[in-house]
Amino acid sequence: MPRRLFSKSNIIAAFSAIVLFTSCKKDQVDNPGGGDGPVTEKKIATFYQDEQNKIEFTYNTAGKLSKVFMRNKDEEDQLEETLNIDYSGDGKISKVSTDGFRVEYSYLNGNLEKTATYNENDELVTTAEFKWQNGKLAEYSYYMSYPTEDGEELENRKMNETTYEYGADGNVRKVNMKQLNILTNQLEDMGYHTYDGYDNKVNPLRHLKDFSYGFFQEFNSANVLKETAYDKNGNILEKTERTFTYDQAGYPLTCVEKRTETGKPAVTENTKFTYY
């Protein structure tokens, strides 16, 4: 899983930024370890560090994701969100709601095209756009409503833009990021990060692809083992290494994540995974 699993920015992004969840109901999946035939599909139930830092997934009787509970506590405060998911007649996500906010979804040719977030007063707060190429997410853009210069109207301003580069195996290899400079009103390079190694096992979110696009803004079929973050000049900001244990079907059971910011001591976090 790319980037830090339990961070406040990821949890907030999970609701306010973009599409969150869909489930693809299948009985079997290919054996990722190359063994004898397919293995039984498992649905992710929890990502767990401790009672103050966890994500819980709930499914309806049709096997579709219906609710996600997220809790994240740091030195400053604690954030909790419960997301409720509604579907349209074609089985795609139509709306995700929580605490007076709602995110509405629109699709083009079966792919997520746009999301729009509204507050309790039915005012547009944020939008996100997704561009696809050869069936893969090529670009993600995030917009926020800002007052015009005269202060009488709101305009939708692009706040950031992310583009993705893929390897021959179909997994993301490089993520390039730009962010709006409010003073110049221009998007400026903010750096990039690379995924330098994968396992050949099962990403526990493999059947929640739109959730992965919403939560991390990307999806990989395998798990990221090594990751490096760079600034816009190519200087290393942080290195991340992950060590997983797996069950016999190749699903992760535990992850030890070691993050080392340049010039600072390493920080290690432990995550457990459970399944239905």
Protein backbone atom coordinates (compact mmCIF):
# COMPACT_ATOMS: atom_id res chain seq x y z
CA MET A 1 0.00 0.00 0.00
CA PRO A 2 1.46 3.31 -1.02
CA ARG A 3 2.16 6.11 1.39
CA ARG A 4 1.39 6.09 5.07
CA LEU A 5 -1.72 4.08 5.90
CA PHE A 6 -2.86 5.92 9.01
CA SER A 7 -2.50 9.66 8.46
CA LYS A 8 -5.02 12.41 8.95
CA SER A 9 -4.58 13.66 5.40
CA ASN A 10 -5.40 10.23 4.00
CA ILE A 11 -8.52 9.88 6.13
CA ILE A 12 -9.80 13.34 5.20
CA ALA A 13 -9.05 12.68 1.55
CA ALA A 14 -11.00 9.46 1.80
CA PHE A 15 -14.17 11.46 2.19
CA SER A 16 -13.78 14.97 0.85
CA ALA A 17 -11.55 14.51 -2.15
CA ILE A 18 -12.91 11.86 -4.43
CA VAL A 19 -14.50 8.51 -5.14
CA LEU A 20 -14.14 6.06 -2.36
CA PHE A 21 -15.51 2.64 -2.80
CA THR A 22 -16.81 -0.06 -5.05
CA SER A 23 -16.76 -3.81 -4.71
CA CYS A 24 -16.36 -6.41 -7.42
CA LYS A 25 -18.00 -9.64 -6.32
CA LYS A 26 -16.17 -12.75 -7.50
CA ASP A 27 -15.85 -16.23 -6.09
CA GLN A 28 -12.21 -16.81 -6.92
CA VAL A 29 -9.06 -14.91 -7.83
CA ASP A 30 -5.86 -16.03 -9.49
CA ASN A 31 -3.26 -17.42 -7.13
CA PRO A 32 -0.73 -14.58 -6.85
CA GLY A 33 2.01 -16.90 -5.74
CA GLY A 34 1.74 -19.01 -8.87
CA GLY A 35 0.47 -22.14 -7.11
CA ASP A 36 -2.06 -24.69 -8.23
CA GLY A 37 -5.03 -22.78 -9.58
CA PRO A 38 -7.17 -20.02 -8.10
CA VAL A 39 -7.70 -19.26 -4.44
CA THR A 40 -10.83 -18.20 -2.57
CA GLU A 41 -11.37 -14.44 -2.52
CA LYS A 42 -11.23 -12.70 0.83
CA LYS A 43 -12.76 -9.33 1.65
CA ILE A 44 -10.77 -6.93 3.75
CA ALA A 45 -12.32 -6.42 7.21
CA THR A 46 -9.85 -4.22 9.10
CA PHE A 47 -6.57 -2.35 8.93
CA TYR A 48 -5.48 -2.24 12.56
CA GLN A 49 -2.62 -0.60 14.44
CA ASP A 50 -4.43 -0.14 17.75
CA GLU A 51 -7.88 0.91 18.98
CA GLN A 52 -7.10 4.55 18.22
CA ASN A 53 -5.84 3.91 14.69
CA LYS A 54 -7.90 1.56 12.58
CA ILE A 55 -10.16 1.23 9.53
CA GLU A 56 -13.15 -1.14 9.53
CA PHE A 57 -15.03 -2.29 6.40
CA THR A 58 -18.67 -3.49 6.42
CA TYR A 59 -20.45 -5.19 3.50
CA ASN A 60 -24.15 -5.64 2.68
CA THR A 61 -25.87 -8.94 1.90
CA ALA A 62 -24.99 -8.54 -1.79
CA GLY A 63 -21.31 -8.43 -0.89
CA LYS A 64 -20.90 -4.74 -1.66
CA LEU A 65 -19.10 -2.35 0.63
CA SER A 66 -21.75 -0.46 2.61
CA LYS A 67 -19.91 1.31 5.43
CA VAL A 68 -16.38 2.28 6.41
CA PHE A 69 -15.36 3.44 9.87
CA MET A 70 -12.03 5.25 10.26
CA ARG A 71 -10.30 6.40 13.43
CA ASN A 72 -6.98 8.24 13.60
CA LYS A 73 -5.38 9.75 16.69
CA ASP A 74 -2.16 11.76 16.85
CA GLU A 75 -0.52 14.14 19.30
CA GLU A 76 -3.00 16.92 18.52
CA ASP A 77 -6.44 15.38 18.28
CA GLN A 78 -8.54 12.42 17.17
CA LEU A 79 -10.49 12.10 13.95
CA GLU A 80 -13.37 9.67 13.43
CA GLU A 81 -15.49 9.22 10.32
CA THR A 82 -18.21 6.77 9.36
CA LEU A 83 -18.89 6.71 5.63
CA ASN A 84 -22.17 5.33 4.25
CA ILE A 85 -22.18 4.17 0.64
CA ASP A 86 -25.18 4.21 -1.74
CA TYR A 87 -25.35 2.50 -5.14
CA SER A 88 -27.22 3.20 -8.36
CA GLY A 89 -29.17 0.60 -10.30
CA ASP A 90 -26.12 -0.41 -12.33
CA GLY A 91 -24.24 -1.31 -9.16
CA LYS A 92 -21.87 1.65 -9.18
CA ILE A 93 -21.35 4.07 -6.32
CA SER A 94 -23.77 6.97 -6.54
CA LYS A 95 -23.17 8.72 -3.22
CA VAL A 96 -21.05 8.57 -0.07
CA SER A 97 -22.26 10.56 2.93
CA THR A 98 -21.21 11.47 6.47
CA ASP A 99 -22.08 14.18 9.02
CA GLY A 100 -24.04 16.43 6.67
CA PHE A 101 -21.61 16.11 3.77
CA ARG A 102 -22.13 14.03 0.66
CA VAL A 103 -19.99 13.09 -2.33
CA GLU A 104 -21.74 12.43 -5.64
CA TYR A 105 -20.14 10.38 -8.42
CA SER A 106 -20.30 10.43 -12.20
CA TYR A 107 -18.78 8.00 -14.69
CA LEU A 108 -17.79 7.94 -18.35
CA ASN A 109 -17.49 4.69 -20.28
CA GLY A 110 -17.51 2.78 -17.01
CA ASN A 111 -14.66 4.75 -15.45
CA LEU A 112 -14.91 7.29 -12.68
CA GLU A 113 -14.90 10.73 -14.31
CA LYS A 114 -15.80 13.22 -11.58
CA THR A 115 -16.84 13.57 -7.96
CA ALA A 116 -18.48 16.55 -6.27
CA THR A 117 -18.61 17.18 -2.51
CA TYR A 118 -21.47 19.21 -1.00
CA ASN A 119 -21.94 20.49 2.54
CA GLU A 120 -25.09 20.46 4.69
CA ASN A 121 -26.26 23.67 2.97
CA ASP A 122 -26.06 22.00 -0.44
CA GLU A 123 -23.08 24.18 -1.38
CA LEU A 124 -20.35 22.77 -3.62
CA VAL A 125 -17.14 22.42 -1.60
CA THR A 126 -14.75 20.39 -3.75
CA THR A 127 -14.64 18.51 -7.02
CA ALA A 128 -12.20 15.99 -8.43
CA GLU A 129 -11.56 14.89 -11.99
CA PHE A 130 -10.05 11.63 -13.22
CA LYS A 131 -8.49 11.06 -16.65
CA TRP A 132 -7.79 7.57 -17.92
CA GLN A 133 -5.52 6.07 -20.57
CA ASN A 134 -5.56 2.44 -21.66
CA GLY A 135 -7.72 1.55 -18.68
CA LYS A 136 -5.37 3.11 -16.11
CA LEU A 137 -5.62 6.32 -14.13
CA ALA A 138 -3.37 8.84 -15.89
CA GLU A 139 -4.24 12.08 -14.08
CA TYR A 140 -6.07 13.18 -10.96
CA SER A 141 -7.00 16.83 -10.31
CA TYR A 142 -8.54 18.35 -7.19
CA TYR A 143 -10.56 21.59 -7.13
CA MET A 144 -11.86 23.82 -4.35
CA SER A 145 -14.41 26.64 -4.35
CA TYR A 146 -12.73 30.02 -3.82
CA PRO A 147 -14.24 33.54 -3.72
CA THR A 148 -13.69 35.67 -6.81
CA GLU A 149 -11.73 38.91 -6.48
CA ASP A 150 -14.90 40.91 -5.83
CA GLY A 151 -15.96 38.34 -3.25
CA GLU A 152 -19.47 37.98 -4.67
CA GLU A 153 -19.16 34.56 -6.32
CA LEU A 154 -17.31 31.30 -5.90
CA GLU A 155 -15.06 29.84 -8.56
CA ASN A 156 -13.74 26.30 -8.82
CA ARG A 157 -9.93 26.52 -8.70
CA LYS A 158 -7.58 23.62 -9.41
CA MET A 159 -5.55 23.08 -6.25
CA ASN A 160 -3.37 20.19 -7.33
CA GLU A 161 -2.65 17.84 -10.19
CA THR A 162 -1.15 14.36 -10.01
CA THR A 163 0.05 12.27 -12.95
CA TYR A 164 1.01 8.58 -12.93
CA GLU A 165 3.63 6.53 -14.76
CA TYR A 166 3.34 2.74 -14.95
CA GLY A 167 5.73 -0.16 -15.36
CA ALA A 168 5.38 -3.12 -17.70
CA ASP A 169 3.68 -5.07 -14.91
CA GLY A 170 0.87 -2.50 -14.76
CA ASN A 171 1.82 -1.15 -11.34
CA VAL A 172 2.51 2.51 -10.62
CA ARG A 173 6.23 3.32 -10.76
CA LYS A 174 6.28 7.13 -10.47
CA VAL A 175 3.83 9.75 -9.20
CA ASN A 176 4.37 13.40 -10.19
CA MET A 177 2.71 16.15 -8.14
CA LYS A 178 1.87 19.81 -8.76
CA GLN A 179 0.18 22.27 -6.40
CA LEU A 180 -1.38 25.70 -6.81
CA ASN A 181 0.70 28.70 -5.77
CA ILE A 182 -1.96 31.11 -4.49
CA LEU A 183 0.30 34.14 -5.10
CA THR A 184 1.01 33.38 -8.76
CA ASN A 185 -2.19 31.40 -9.46
CA GLN A 186 -0.04 28.80 -11.23
CA LEU A 187 0.50 25.10 -10.63
CA GLU A 188 4.07 24.44 -9.51
CA ASP A 189 6.09 21.23 -9.25
CA MET A 190 6.01 19.81 -5.73
CA GLY A 191 8.19 16.79 -6.33
CA TYR A 192 7.49 13.13 -6.98
CA HIS A 193 7.76 9.71 -5.45
CA THR A 194 8.78 6.37 -6.90
CA TYR A 195 7.75 2.82 -6.08
CA ASP A 196 10.99 0.88 -6.21
CA GLY A 197 9.83 -2.64 -5.40
CA TYR A 198 6.71 -4.82 -5.17
CA ASP A 199 5.91 -8.26 -3.82
CA ASN A 200 4.00 -10.74 -5.98
CA LYS A 201 1.21 -11.15 -3.45
CA VAL A 202 -2.35 -9.82 -3.06
CA ASN A 203 -3.08 -6.17 -2.37
CA PRO A 204 -5.92 -6.47 0.22
CA LEU A 205 -7.77 -3.66 -1.61
CA ARG A 206 -7.63 -5.43 -4.98
CA HIS A 207 -11.44 -5.72 -5.22
CA LEU A 208 -12.04 -2.20 -3.91
CA LYS A 209 -10.32 -0.37 -6.73
CA ASP A 210 -12.35 2.82 -6.59
CA PHE A 211 -11.74 2.92 -2.86
CA SER A 212 -8.03 2.76 -3.58
CA TYR A 213 -8.26 5.55 -6.15
CA GLY A 214 -10.17 7.60 -3.59
CA PHE A 215 -8.09 6.87 -0.55
CA PHE A 216 -4.62 6.86 -2.12
CA GLN A 217 -5.40 8.26 -5.59
CA GLU A 218 -3.86 5.16 -7.13
CA PHE A 219 -4.16 1.40 -7.22
CA ASN A 220 -1.63 -1.42 -7.49
CA SER A 221 -2.46 -5.11 -7.70
CA ALA A 222 0.55 -6.00 -5.53
CA ASN A 223 1.98 -4.43 -2.37
CA VAL A 224 4.68 -1.75 -2.41
CA LEU A 225 7.85 -2.86 -0.61
CA LYS A 226 10.10 0.15 -1.24
CA GLU A 227 9.16 3.77 -1.86
CA THR A 228 11.15 7.00 -2.18
CA ALA A 229 9.85 10.58 -1.99
CA TYR A 230 11.74 13.42 -3.72
CA ASP A 231 11.45 17.20 -3.79
CA LYS A 232 11.13 19.10 -7.07
CA ASN A 233 14.94 19.23 -7.41
CA GLY A 234 15.34 15.47 -7.08
CA ASN A 235 16.60 15.48 -3.50
CA ILE A 236 15.43 12.56 -1.36
CA LEU A 237 12.92 13.57 1.30
CA GLU A 238 11.96 10.18 2.70
CA LYS A 239 12.52 6.47 2.17
CA THR A 240 9.98 3.81 3.14
CA GLU A 241 10.48 0.06 3.46
CA ARG A 242 7.71 -2.45 4.20
CA THR A 243 7.99 -6.05 5.34
CA PHE A 244 4.86 -8.22 5.13
CA THR A 245 3.81 -11.60 6.41
CA TYR A 246 1.17 -13.51 4.43
CA ASP A 247 -1.35 -16.30 4.71
CA GLN A 248 -1.22 -19.34 2.41
CA ALA A 249 -3.30 -17.54 -0.23
CA GLY A 250 -0.91 -14.58 -0.41
CA TYR A 251 -3.01 -12.08 1.55
CA PRO A 252 -1.03 -9.84 3.95
CA LEU A 253 -1.46 -10.54 7.66
CA THR A 254 0.99 -7.99 9.07
CA CYS A 255 3.09 -5.11 7.80
CA VAL A 256 6.11 -3.48 9.44
CA GLU A 257 6.64 -0.07 7.84
CA LYS A 258 9.93 1.78 8.37
CA ARG A 259 9.96 5.43 7.27
CA THR A 260 13.16 7.47 7.29
CA GLU A 261 13.04 11.20 6.60
CA THR A 262 16.35 12.64 5.47
CA GLY A 263 18.32 13.75 8.51
CA LYS A 264 15.90 12.23 11.03
CA PRO A 265 15.66 8.92 12.92
CA ALA A 266 13.61 6.14 11.38
CA VAL A 267 9.99 5.65 12.49
CA THR A 268 8.45 2.17 12.53
CA GLU A 269 4.72 1.32 12.49
CA ASN A 270 2.99 -2.06 12.66
CA THR A 271 -0.30 -2.85 10.93
CA LYS A 272 -2.46 -5.99 11.09
CA PHE A 273 -4.98 -7.07 8.45
CA THR A 274 -8.11 -9.16 9.00
CA TYR A 275 -10.54 -10.56 6.44
CA TYR A 276 -14.05 -11.94 6.02
